[in-house]
């Protein structure tokens, strides 16, 4: 594609300049990193709280694995639901709702 054609396409697409693109990429990387941190933090909290729950509820070590499996299945199912809702309502809106809900 020639230089004027690229400029025309970027102008129609609403791309104002090249200088703002690297800043936006870092912003997006930060948001995605924060979302990944929330996922890891959630899994860590479950693993730390599991021995206390086992003691309080009186289930065995073998049953502890069932708790982890049930949590993983629920998390995966809700992740799929969240993906579908983000397709319907918008990715940014669902990310903000998920972060606030967490």
PDB file of N, CA and C in Angstrom:
ATOM      1  N   UNK A   1       0.835  -1.167   0.000  1.00  0.00           N
ATOM      2  CA  UNK A   1       0.000   0.000   0.000  1.00  0.00           C
ATOM      3  C   UNK A   1       0.888   1.242   0.000  1.00  0.00           C
ATOM      4  N   UNK A   2       0.531   2.248  -0.758  1.00  0.00           N
ATOM      5  CA  UNK A   2       1.338   3.460  -0.823  1.00  0.00           C
ATOM      6  C   UNK A   2       1.097   4.324   0.412  1.00  0.00           C
ATOM      7  N   UNK A   3       1.991   5.268   0.633  1.00  0.00           N
ATOM      8  CA  UNK A   3       1.921   6.145   1.806  1.00  0.00           C
ATOM      9  C   UNK A   3       0.627   6.960   1.856  1.00  0.00           C
ATOM     10  N   UNK A   4       0.172   7.580   0.752  1.00  0.00           N
ATOM     11  CA  UNK A   4      -1.098   8.321   0.819  1.00  0.00           C
ATOM     12  C   UNK A   4      -2.299   7.410   1.103  1.00  0.00           C
ATOM     13  N   UNK A   5      -2.244   6.180   0.593  1.00  0.00           N
ATOM     14  CA  UNK A   5      -3.356   5.256   0.840  1.00  0.00           C
ATOM     15  C   UNK A   5      -3.414   4.868   2.307  1.00  0.00           C
ATOM     16  N   UNK A   6      -2.252   4.648   2.924  1.00  0.00           N
ATOM     17  CA  UNK A   6      -2.209   4.310   4.346  1.00  0.00           C
ATOM     18  C   UNK A   6      -2.722   5.477   5.175  1.00  0.00           C
ATOM     19  N   UNK A   7      -2.322   6.698   4.804  1.00  0.00           N
ATOM     20  CA  UNK A   7      -2.784   7.880   5.531  1.00  0.00           C
ATOM     21  C   UNK A   7      -4.293   8.041   5.412  1.00  0.00           C
ATOM     22  N   UNK A   8      -4.836   7.770   4.226  1.00  0.00           N
ATOM     23  CA  UNK A   8      -6.281   7.895   4.030  1.00  0.00           C
ATOM     24  C   UNK A   8      -7.037   6.854   4.839  1.00  0.00           C
ATOM     25  N   UNK A   9      -6.524   5.625   4.871  1.00  0.00           N
ATOM     26  CA  UNK A   9      -7.187   4.561   5.639  1.00  0.00           C
ATOM     27  C   UNK A   9      -7.143   4.883   7.120  1.00  0.00           C
ATOM     28  N   UNK A  10      -5.978   5.329   7.609  1.00  0.00           N
ATOM     29  CA  UNK A  10      -5.874   5.633   9.038  1.00  0.00           C
ATOM     30  C   UNK A  10      -6.726   6.839   9.404  1.00  0.00           C
ATOM     31  N   UNK A  11      -6.878   7.799   8.481  1.00  0.00           N
ATOM     32  CA  UNK A  11      -7.716   8.950   8.752  1.00  0.00           C
ATOM     33  C   UNK A  11      -9.189   8.549   8.832  1.00  0.00           C
ATOM     34  N   UNK A  12      -9.637   7.661   7.940  1.00  0.00           N
ATOM     35  CA  UNK A  12     -11.027   7.180   7.981  1.00  0.00           C
ATOM     36  C   UNK A  12     -11.287   6.327   9.208  1.00  0.00           C
ATOM     37  N   UNK A  13     -10.274   5.588   9.655  1.00  0.00           N
ATOM     38  CA  UNK A  13     -10.446   4.716  10.810  1.00  0.00           C
ATOM     39  C   UNK A  13     -10.426   5.500  12.113  1.00  0.00           C
ATOM     40  N   UNK A  14     -10.053   6.761  12.059  1.00  0.00           N
ATOM     41  CA  UNK A  14     -10.042   7.566  13.279  1.00  0.00           C
ATOM     42  C   UNK A  14      -8.723   7.542  13.996  1.00  0.00           C
ATOM     43  N   UNK A  15      -7.668   7.086  13.357  1.00  0.00           N
ATOM     44  CA  UNK A  15      -6.357   7.063  13.974  1.00  0.00           C
ATOM     45  C   UNK A  15      -5.733   8.436  13.813  1.00  0.00           C
ATOM     46  N   UNK A  16      -5.599   9.148  14.908  1.00  0.00           N
ATOM     47  CA  UNK A  16      -5.168  10.538  14.827  1.00  0.00           C
ATOM     48  C   UNK A  16      -3.677  10.680  14.626  1.00  0.00           C
ATOM     49  N   UNK A  17      -2.885   9.839  15.245  1.00  0.00           N
ATOM     50  CA  UNK A  17      -1.451   9.994  15.103  1.00  0.00           C
ATOM     51  C   UNK A  17      -0.700   8.781  15.565  1.00  0.00           C
ATOM     52  N   UNK A  18       0.560   8.757  15.209  1.00  0.00           N
ATOM     53  CA  UNK A  18       1.404   7.621  15.567  1.00  0.00           C
ATOM     54  C   UNK A  18       1.886   7.743  17.000  1.00  0.00           C
ATOM     55  N   UNK A  19       1.997   8.952  17.519  1.00  0.00           N
ATOM     56  CA  UNK A  19       2.551   9.160  18.856  1.00  0.00           C
ATOM     57  C   UNK A  19       1.670   8.570  19.948  1.00  0.00           C
ATOM     58  N   UNK A  20       0.352   8.555  19.761  1.00  0.00           N
ATOM     59  CA  UNK A  20      -0.530   8.052  20.807  1.00  0.00           C
ATOM     60  C   UNK A  20      -0.638   6.527  20.812  1.00  0.00           C
ATOM     61  N   UNK A  21      -0.261   5.877  19.735  1.00  0.00           N
ATOM     62  CA  UNK A  21      -0.387   4.423  19.658  1.00  0.00           C
ATOM     63  C   UNK A  21       0.504   3.679  20.661  1.00  0.00           C
ATOM     64  N   UNK A  22       1.802   4.012  20.823  1.00  0.00           N
ATOM     65  CA  UNK A  22       2.604   3.292  21.828  1.00  0.00           C
ATOM     66  C   UNK A  22       2.084   3.489  23.243  1.00  0.00           C
ATOM     67  N   UNK A  23       1.611   4.687  23.558  1.00  0.00           N
ATOM     68  CA  UNK A  23       1.062   4.929  24.896  1.00  0.00           C
ATOM     69  C   UNK A  23      -0.180   4.083  25.122  1.00  0.00           C
ATOM     70  N   UNK A  24      -1.006   3.956  24.098  1.00  0.00           N
ATOM     71  CA  UNK A  24      -2.214   3.145  24.229  1.00  0.00           C
ATOM     72  C   UNK A  24      -1.870   1.680  24.385  1.00  0.00           C
ATOM     73  N   UNK A  25      -0.853   1.211  23.699  1.00  0.00           N
ATOM     74  CA  UNK A  25      -0.440  -0.193  23.839  1.00  0.00           C
ATOM     75  C   UNK A  25       0.007  -0.494  25.256  1.00  0.00           C
ATOM     76  N   UNK A  26       0.756   0.415  25.873  1.00  0.00           N
ATOM     77  CA  UNK A  26       1.193   0.205  27.251  1.00  0.00           C
ATOM     78  C   UNK A  26       0.015   0.241  28.206  1.00  0.00           C
ATOM     79  N   UNK A  27      -0.945   1.100  27.932  1.00  0.00           N
ATOM     80  CA  UNK A  27      -2.145   1.172  28.761  1.00  0.00           C
ATOM     81  C   UNK A  27      -2.911  -0.142  28.701  1.00  0.00           C
ATOM     82  N   UNK A  28      -3.079  -0.679  27.492  1.00  0.00           N
ATOM     83  CA  UNK A  28      -3.788  -1.950  27.313  1.00  0.00           C
ATOM     84  C   UNK A  28      -3.029  -3.078  27.998  1.00  0.00           C
ATOM     85  N   UNK A  29      -1.701  -3.083  27.862  1.00  0.00           N
ATOM     86  CA  UNK A  29      -0.898  -4.108  28.529  1.00  0.00           C
ATOM     87  C   UNK A  29      -1.061  -4.026  30.039  1.00  0.00           C
ATOM     88  N   UNK A  30      -1.114  -2.831  30.574  1.00  0.00           N
ATOM     89  CA  UNK A  30      -1.318  -2.669  32.014  1.00  0.00           C
ATOM     90  C   UNK A  30      -2.672  -3.176  32.477  1.00  0.00           C
ATOM     91  N   UNK A  31      -3.710  -2.907  31.705  1.00  0.00           N
ATOM     92  CA  UNK A  31      -5.062  -3.362  32.062  1.00  0.00           C
ATOM     93  C   UNK A  31      -5.149  -4.882  31.996  1.00  0.00           C
ATOM     94  N   UNK A  32      -4.579  -5.469  30.947  1.00  0.00           N
ATOM     95  CA  UNK A  32      -4.592  -6.930  30.822  1.00  0.00           C
ATOM     96  C   UNK A  32      -3.757  -7.563  31.943  1.00  0.00           C
ATOM     97  N   UNK A  33      -2.638  -6.942  32.273  1.00  0.00           N
ATOM     98  CA  UNK A  33      -1.823  -7.437  33.388  1.00  0.00           C
ATOM     99  C   UNK A  33      -2.564  -7.375  34.711  1.00  0.00           C
ATOM    100  N   UNK A  34      -3.319  -6.302  34.928  1.00  0.00           N
ATOM    101  CA  UNK A  34      -4.122  -6.180  36.144  1.00  0.00           C
ATOM    102  C   UNK A  34      -5.208  -7.243  36.209  1.00  0.00           C
ATOM    103  N   UNK A  35      -5.844  -7.518  35.078  1.00  0.00           N
ATOM    104  CA  UNK A  35      -6.870  -8.564  35.039  1.00  0.00           C
ATOM    105  C   UNK A  35      -6.259  -9.931  35.331  1.00  0.00           C
ATOM    106  N   UNK A  36      -5.078 -10.199  34.791  1.00  0.00           N
ATOM    107  CA  UNK A  36      -4.404 -11.479  35.065  1.00  0.00           C
ATOM    108  C   UNK A  36      -4.003 -11.571  36.531  1.00  0.00           C
ATOM    109  N   UNK A  37      -3.571 -10.457  37.114  1.00  0.00           N
ATOM    110  CA  UNK A  37      -3.248 -10.434  38.535  1.00  0.00           C
ATOM    111  C   UNK A  37      -4.465 -10.787  39.378  1.00  0.00           C
ATOM    112  N   UNK A  38      -5.635 -10.310  38.987  1.00  0.00           N
ATOM    113  CA  UNK A  38      -6.867 -10.630  39.714  1.00  0.00           C
ATOM    114  C   UNK A  38      -7.166 -12.124  39.667  1.00  0.00           C
ATOM    115  N   UNK A  39      -6.940 -12.747  38.517  1.00  0.00           N
ATOM    116  CA  UNK A  39      -7.184 -14.183  38.383  1.00  0.00           C
ATOM    117  C   UNK A  39      -6.230 -14.961  39.282  1.00  0.00           C
ATOM    118  N   UNK A  40      -4.955 -14.607  39.265  1.00  0.00           N
ATOM    119  CA  UNK A  40      -3.963 -15.304  40.094  1.00  0.00           C
ATOM    120  C   UNK A  40      -4.249 -15.059  41.573  1.00  0.00           C
ATOM    121  N   UNK A  41      -4.615 -13.832  41.914  1.00  0.00           N
ATOM    122  CA  UNK A  41      -4.940 -13.507  43.305  1.00  0.00           C
ATOM    123  C   UNK A  41      -6.136 -14.311  43.792  1.00  0.00           C
ATOM    124  N   UNK A  42      -7.134 -14.468  42.958  1.00  0.00           N
ATOM    125  CA  UNK A  42      -8.321 -15.241  43.313  1.00  0.00           C
ATOM    126  C   UNK A  42      -7.959 -16.702  43.574  1.00  0.00           C
ATOM    127  N   UNK A  43      -7.155 -17.289  42.696  1.00  0.00           N
ATOM    128  CA  UNK A  43      -6.745 -18.692  42.887  1.00  0.00           C
ATOM    129  C   UNK A  43      -5.893 -18.846  44.141  1.00  0.00           C
ATOM    130  N   UNK A  44      -5.052 -17.862  44.425  1.00  0.00           N
ATOM    131  CA  UNK A  44      -4.213 -17.914  45.628  1.00  0.00           C
ATOM    132  C   UNK A  44      -5.064 -17.841  46.886  1.00  0.00           C
ATOM    133  N   UNK A  45      -6.063 -16.990  46.877  1.00  0.00           N
ATOM    134  CA  UNK A  45      -6.943 -16.869  48.045  1.00  0.00           C
ATOM    135  C   UNK A  45      -7.673 -18.178  48.301  1.00  0.00           C
ATOM    136  N   UNK A  46      -8.130 -18.831  47.244  1.00  0.00           N
ATOM    137  CA  UNK A  46      -8.814 -20.122  47.412  1.00  0.00           C
ATOM    138  C   UNK A  46      -7.864 -21.149  48.017  1.00  0.00           C
ATOM    139  N   UNK A  47      -6.638 -21.227  47.520  1.00  0.00           N
ATOM    140  CA  UNK A  47      -5.681 -22.214  48.035  1.00  0.00           C
ATOM    141  C   UNK A  47      -5.262 -21.922  49.465  1.00  0.00           C
ATOM    142  N   UNK A  48      -5.184 -20.661  49.841  1.00  0.00           N
ATOM    143  CA  UNK A  48      -4.823 -20.321  51.218  1.00  0.00           C
ATOM    144  C   UNK A  48      -5.985 -20.602  52.173  1.00  0.00           C
ATOM    145  N   UNK A  49      -7.207 -20.340  51.741  1.00  0.00           N
ATOM    146  CA  UNK A  49      -8.370 -20.527  52.610  1.00  0.00           C
ATOM    147  C   UNK A  49      -8.817 -21.984  52.708  1.00  0.00           C
ATOM    148  N   UNK A  50      -8.330 -22.833  51.820  1.00  0.00           N
ATOM    149  CA  UNK A  50      -8.806 -24.221  51.780  1.00  0.00           C
ATOM    150  C   UNK A  50      -8.517 -25.016  53.046  1.00  0.00           C
ATOM    151  N   UNK A  51      -7.337 -24.950  53.657  1.00  0.00           N
ATOM    152  CA  UNK A  51      -7.132 -25.707  54.908  1.00  0.00           C
ATOM    153  C   UNK A  51      -8.061 -25.269  56.042  1.00  0.00           C
ATOM    154  N   UNK A  52      -8.329 -23.973  56.150  1.00  0.00           N
ATOM    155  CA  UNK A  52      -9.253 -23.503  57.188  1.00  0.00           C
ATOM    156  C   UNK A  52     -10.661 -24.009  56.924  1.00  0.00           C
ATOM    157  N   UNK A  53     -11.075 -23.975  55.664  1.00  0.00           N
ATOM    158  CA  UNK A  53     -12.405 -24.492  55.325  1.00  0.00           C
ATOM    159  C   UNK A  53     -12.483 -25.992  55.596  1.00  0.00           C
ATOM    160  N   UNK A  54     -11.396 -26.700  55.327  1.00  0.00           N
ATOM    161  CA  UNK A  54     -11.380 -28.144  55.579  1.00  0.00           C
ATOM    162  C   UNK A  54     -11.538 -28.426  57.069  1.00  0.00           C
ATOM    163  N   UNK A  55     -10.832 -27.678  57.885  1.00  0.00           N
ATOM    164  CA  UNK A  55     -10.935 -27.862  59.334  1.00  0.00           C
ATOM    165  C   UNK A  55     -12.335 -27.526  59.832  1.00  0.00           C
ATOM    166  N   UNK A  56     -12.870 -26.391  59.372  1.00  0.00           N
ATOM    167  CA  UNK A  56     -14.170 -25.945  59.864  1.00  0.00           C
ATOM    168  C   UNK A  56     -15.320 -26.825  59.386  1.00  0.00           C
ATOM    169  N   UNK A  57     -15.238 -27.302  58.150  1.00  0.00           N
ATOM    170  CA  UNK A  57     -16.324 -28.106  57.602  1.00  0.00           C
ATOM    171  C   UNK A  57     -16.121 -29.600  57.808  1.00  0.00           C
ATOM    172  N   UNK A  58     -14.913 -29.999  58.164  1.00  0.00           N
ATOM    173  CA  UNK A  58     -14.645 -31.390  58.500  1.00  0.00           C
ATOM    174  C   UNK A  58     -14.609 -32.345  57.325  1.00  0.00           C
ATOM    175  N   UNK A  59     -14.085 -31.936  56.191  1.00  0.00           N
ATOM    176  CA  UNK A  59     -13.947 -32.879  55.083  1.00  0.00           C
ATOM    177  C   UNK A  59     -12.502 -33.336  54.957  1.00  0.00           C
ATOM    178  N   UNK A  60     -12.311 -34.462  54.291  1.00  0.00           N
ATOM    179  CA  UNK A  60     -10.994 -35.094  54.219  1.00  0.00           C
ATOM    180  C   UNK A  60     -10.118 -34.428  53.152  1.00  0.00           C
ATOM    181  N   UNK A  61      -8.870 -34.888  53.089  1.00  0.00           N
ATOM    182  CA  UNK A  61      -7.935 -34.365  52.092  1.00  0.00           C
ATOM    183  C   UNK A  61      -8.387 -34.756  50.686  1.00  0.00           C
ATOM    184  N   UNK A  62      -8.960 -35.930  50.532  1.00  0.00           N
ATOM    185  CA  UNK A  62      -9.474 -36.339  49.218  1.00  0.00           C
ATOM    186  C   UNK A  62     -10.634 -35.444  48.781  1.00  0.00           C
ATOM    187  N   UNK A  63     -11.450 -35.030  49.750  1.00  0.00           N
ATOM    188  CA  UNK A  63     -12.562 -34.134  49.423  1.00  0.00           C
ATOM    189  C   UNK A  63     -12.082 -32.729  49.083  1.00  0.00           C
ATOM    190  N   UNK A  64     -10.899 -32.381  49.570  1.00  0.00           N
ATOM    191  CA  UNK A  64     -10.337 -31.073  49.242  1.00  0.00           C
ATOM    192  C   UNK A  64     -10.127 -30.929  47.733  1.00  0.00           C
ATOM    193  N   UNK A  65      -9.725 -32.026  47.084  1.00  0.00           N
ATOM    194  CA  UNK A  65      -9.548 -31.982  45.628  1.00  0.00           C
ATOM    195  C   UNK A  65     -10.868 -31.731  44.915  1.00  0.00           C
ATOM    196  N   UNK A  66     -11.958 -32.268  45.457  1.00  0.00           N
ATOM    197  CA  UNK A  66     -13.266 -32.018  44.860  1.00  0.00           C
ATOM    198  C   UNK A  66     -13.644 -30.542  44.956  1.00  0.00           C
ATOM    199  N   UNK A  67     -13.257 -29.902  46.052  1.00  0.00           N
ATOM    200  CA  UNK A  67     -13.525 -28.473  46.208  1.00  0.00           C
ATOM    201  C   UNK A  67     -12.765 -27.682  45.147  1.00  0.00           C
ATOM    202  N   UNK A  68     -11.493 -28.032  44.940  1.00  0.00           N
ATOM    203  CA  UNK A  68     -10.689 -27.352  43.919  1.00  0.00           C
ATOM    204  C   UNK A  68     -11.268 -27.594  42.528  1.00  0.00           C
ATOM    205  N   UNK A  69     -11.702 -28.819  42.262  1.00  0.00           N
ATOM    206  CA  UNK A  69     -12.292 -29.137  40.962  1.00  0.00           C
ATOM    207  C   UNK A  69     -13.600 -28.376  40.747  1.00  0.00           C
ATOM    208  N   UNK A  70     -14.441 -28.327  41.770  1.00  0.00           N
ATOM    209  CA  UNK A  70     -15.711 -27.590  41.656  1.00  0.00           C
ATOM    210  C   UNK A  70     -15.451 -26.107  41.438  1.00  0.00           C
ATOM    211  N   UNK A  71     -14.462 -25.565  42.134  1.00  0.00           N
ATOM    212  CA  UNK A  71     -14.118 -24.153  41.948  1.00  0.00           C
ATOM    213  C   UNK A  71     -13.624 -23.909  40.522  1.00  0.00           C
ATOM    214  N   UNK A  72     -12.777 -24.785  40.016  1.00  0.00           N
ATOM    215  CA  UNK A  72     -12.235 -24.624  38.661  1.00  0.00           C
ATOM    216  C   UNK A  72     -13.334 -24.713  37.612  1.00  0.00           C
ATOM    217  N   UNK A  73     -14.268 -25.643  37.781  1.00  0.00           N
ATOM    218  CA  UNK A  73     -15.378 -25.762  36.833  1.00  0.00           C
ATOM    219  C   UNK A  73     -16.285 -24.535  36.869  1.00  0.00           C
ATOM    220  N   UNK A  74     -16.582 -24.053  38.071  1.00  0.00           N
ATOM    221  CA  UNK A  74     -17.410 -22.851  38.185  1.00  0.00           C
ATOM    222  C   UNK A  74     -16.688 -21.642  37.580  1.00  0.00           C
ATOM    223  N   UNK A  75     -15.395 -21.523  37.833  1.00  0.00           N
ATOM    224  CA  UNK A  75     -14.620 -20.412  37.280  1.00  0.00           C
ATOM    225  C   UNK A  75     -14.605 -20.475  35.753  1.00  0.00           C
ATOM    226  N   UNK A  76     -14.372 -21.657  35.205  1.00  0.00           N
ATOM    227  CA  UNK A  76     -14.358 -21.808  33.745  1.00  0.00           C
ATOM    228  C   UNK A  76     -15.713 -21.517  33.121  1.00  0.00           C
ATOM    229  N   UNK A  77     -16.773 -21.987  33.757  1.00  0.00           N
ATOM    230  CA  UNK A  77     -18.121 -21.722  33.239  1.00  0.00           C
ATOM    231  C   UNK A  77     -18.456 -20.249  33.270  1.00  0.00           C
ATOM    232  N   UNK A  78     -18.109 -19.577  34.365  1.00  0.00           N
ATOM    233  CA  UNK A  78     -18.363 -18.144  34.447  1.00  0.00           C
ATOM    234  C   UNK A  78     -17.470 -17.355  33.498  1.00  0.00           C
ATOM    235  N   UNK A  79     -16.276 -17.876  33.230  1.00  0.00           N
ATOM    236  CA  UNK A  79     -15.391 -17.231  32.257  1.00  0.00           C
ATOM    237  C   UNK A  79     -15.996 -17.278  30.858  1.00  0.00           C
ATOM    238  N   UNK A  80     -16.584 -18.419  30.504  1.00  0.00           N
ATOM    239  CA  UNK A  80     -17.267 -18.532  29.216  1.00  0.00           C
ATOM    240  C   UNK A  80     -18.476 -17.604  29.147  1.00  0.00           C
ATOM    241  N   UNK A  81     -19.242 -17.545  30.235  1.00  0.00           N
ATOM    242  CA  UNK A  81     -20.389 -16.651  30.290  1.00  0.00           C
ATOM    243  C   UNK A  81     -19.945 -15.193  30.169  1.00  0.00           C
ATOM    244  N   UNK A  82     -18.878 -14.844  30.859  1.00  0.00           N
ATOM    245  CA  UNK A  82     -18.359 -13.481  30.770  1.00  0.00           C
ATOM    246  C   UNK A  82     -17.882 -13.140  29.367  1.00  0.00           C
ATOM    247  N   UNK A  83     -17.280 -14.106  28.681  1.00  0.00           N
ATOM    248  CA  UNK A  83     -16.862 -13.885  27.302  1.00  0.00           C
ATOM    249  C   UNK A  83     -18.040 -13.635  26.384  1.00  0.00           C
ATOM    250  N   UNK A  84     -19.093 -14.398  26.570  1.00  0.00           N
ATOM    251  CA  UNK A  84     -20.287 -14.212  25.749  1.00  0.00           C
ATOM    252  C   UNK A  84     -20.948 -12.859  26.040  1.00  0.00           C
ATOM    253  N   UNK A  85     -21.018 -12.519  27.338  1.00  0.00           N
ATOM    254  CA  UNK A  85     -21.602 -11.227  27.692  1.00  0.00           C
ATOM    255  C   UNK A  85     -20.758 -10.069  27.170  1.00  0.00           C
ATOM    256  N   UNK A  86     -19.441 -10.258  27.130  1.00  0.00           N
ATOM    257  CA  UNK A  86     -18.596  -9.191  26.593  1.00  0.00           C
ATOM    258  C   UNK A  86     -18.799  -9.026  25.091  1.00  0.00           C
ATOM    259  N   UNK A  87     -19.138 -10.111  24.403  1.00  0.00           N
ATOM    260  CA  UNK A  87     -19.485  -9.994  22.990  1.00  0.00           C
ATOM    261  C   UNK A  87     -20.773  -9.201  22.804  1.00  0.00           C
ATOM    262  N   UNK A  88     -21.715  -9.390  23.724  1.00  0.00           N
ATOM    263  CA  UNK A  88     -23.005  -8.720  23.612  1.00  0.00           C
ATOM    264  C   UNK A  88     -22.988  -7.286  24.130  1.00  0.00           C
ATOM    265  N   UNK A  89     -22.314  -7.053  25.256  1.00  0.00           N
ATOM    266  CA  UNK A  89     -22.376  -5.753  25.922  1.00  0.00           C
ATOM    267  C   UNK A  89     -21.147  -4.881  25.703  1.00  0.00           C
ATOM    268  N   UNK A  90     -20.055  -5.472  25.265  1.00  0.00           N
ATOM    269  CA  UNK A  90     -18.828  -4.707  25.072  1.00  0.00           C
ATOM    270  C   UNK A  90     -17.738  -5.180  26.017  1.00  0.00           C
ATOM    271  N   UNK A  91     -16.542  -5.304  25.489  1.00  0.00           N
ATOM    272  CA  UNK A  91     -15.437  -5.839  26.278  1.00  0.00           C
ATOM    273  C   UNK A  91     -15.030  -4.912  27.413  1.00  0.00           C
ATOM    274  N   UNK A  92     -14.941  -3.627  27.129  1.00  0.00           N
ATOM    275  CA  UNK A  92     -14.511  -2.672  28.156  1.00  0.00           C
ATOM    276  C   UNK A  92     -15.506  -2.640  29.310  1.00  0.00           C
ATOM    277  N   UNK A  93     -16.792  -2.598  28.988  1.00  0.00           N
ATOM    278  CA  UNK A  93     -17.820  -2.552  30.030  1.00  0.00           C
ATOM    279  C   UNK A  93     -17.780  -3.807  30.900  1.00  0.00           C
ATOM    280  N   UNK A  94     -17.629  -4.973  30.278  1.00  0.00           N
ATOM    281  CA  UNK A  94     -17.603  -6.217  31.061  1.00  0.00           C
ATOM    282  C   UNK A  94     -16.330  -6.328  31.899  1.00  0.00           C
ATOM    283  N   UNK A  95     -15.204  -5.820  31.391  1.00  0.00           N
ATOM    284  CA  UNK A  95     -13.970  -5.837  32.178  1.00  0.00           C
ATOM    285  C   UNK A  95     -14.136  -4.975  33.420  1.00  0.00           C
ATOM    286  N   UNK A  96     -14.719  -3.808  33.259  1.00  0.00           N
ATOM    287  CA  UNK A  96     -14.927  -2.924  34.407  1.00  0.00           C
ATOM    288  C   UNK A  96     -15.916  -3.543  35.395  1.00  0.00           C
ATOM    289  N   UNK A  97     -16.996  -4.137  34.895  1.00  0.00           N
ATOM    290  CA  UNK A  97     -17.956  -4.799  35.779  1.00  0.00           C
ATOM    291  C   UNK A  97     -17.296  -5.952  36.529  1.00  0.00           C
ATOM    292  N   UNK A  98     -16.470  -6.725  35.849  1.00  0.00           N
ATOM    293  CA  UNK A  98     -15.783  -7.829  36.500  1.00  0.00           C
ATOM    294  C   UNK A  98     -14.796  -7.376  37.556  1.00  0.00           C
ATOM    295  N   UNK A  99     -14.031  -6.317  37.261  1.00  0.00           N
ATOM    296  CA  UNK A  99     -13.071  -5.794  38.253  1.00  0.00           C
ATOM    297  C   UNK A  99     -13.775  -5.215  39.461  1.00  0.00           C
ATOM    298  N   UNK A 100     -14.877  -4.493  39.235  1.00  0.00           N
ATOM    299  CA  UNK A 100     -15.639  -3.932  40.352  1.00  0.00           C
ATOM    300  C   UNK A 100     -16.295  -5.058  41.147  1.00  0.00           C
ATOM    301  N   UNK A 101     -16.810  -6.061  40.455  1.00  0.00           N
ATOM    302  CA  UNK A 101     -17.436  -7.199  41.137  1.00  0.00           C
ATOM    303  C   UNK A 101     -16.455  -7.997  41.964  1.00  0.00           C
ATOM    304  N   UNK A 102     -15.220  -8.059  41.513  1.00  0.00           N
ATOM    305  CA  UNK A 102     -14.208  -8.798  42.273  1.00  0.00           C
ATOM    306  C   UNK A 102     -13.915  -8.073  43.573  1.00  0.00           C
TER     307      UNK A 102
END
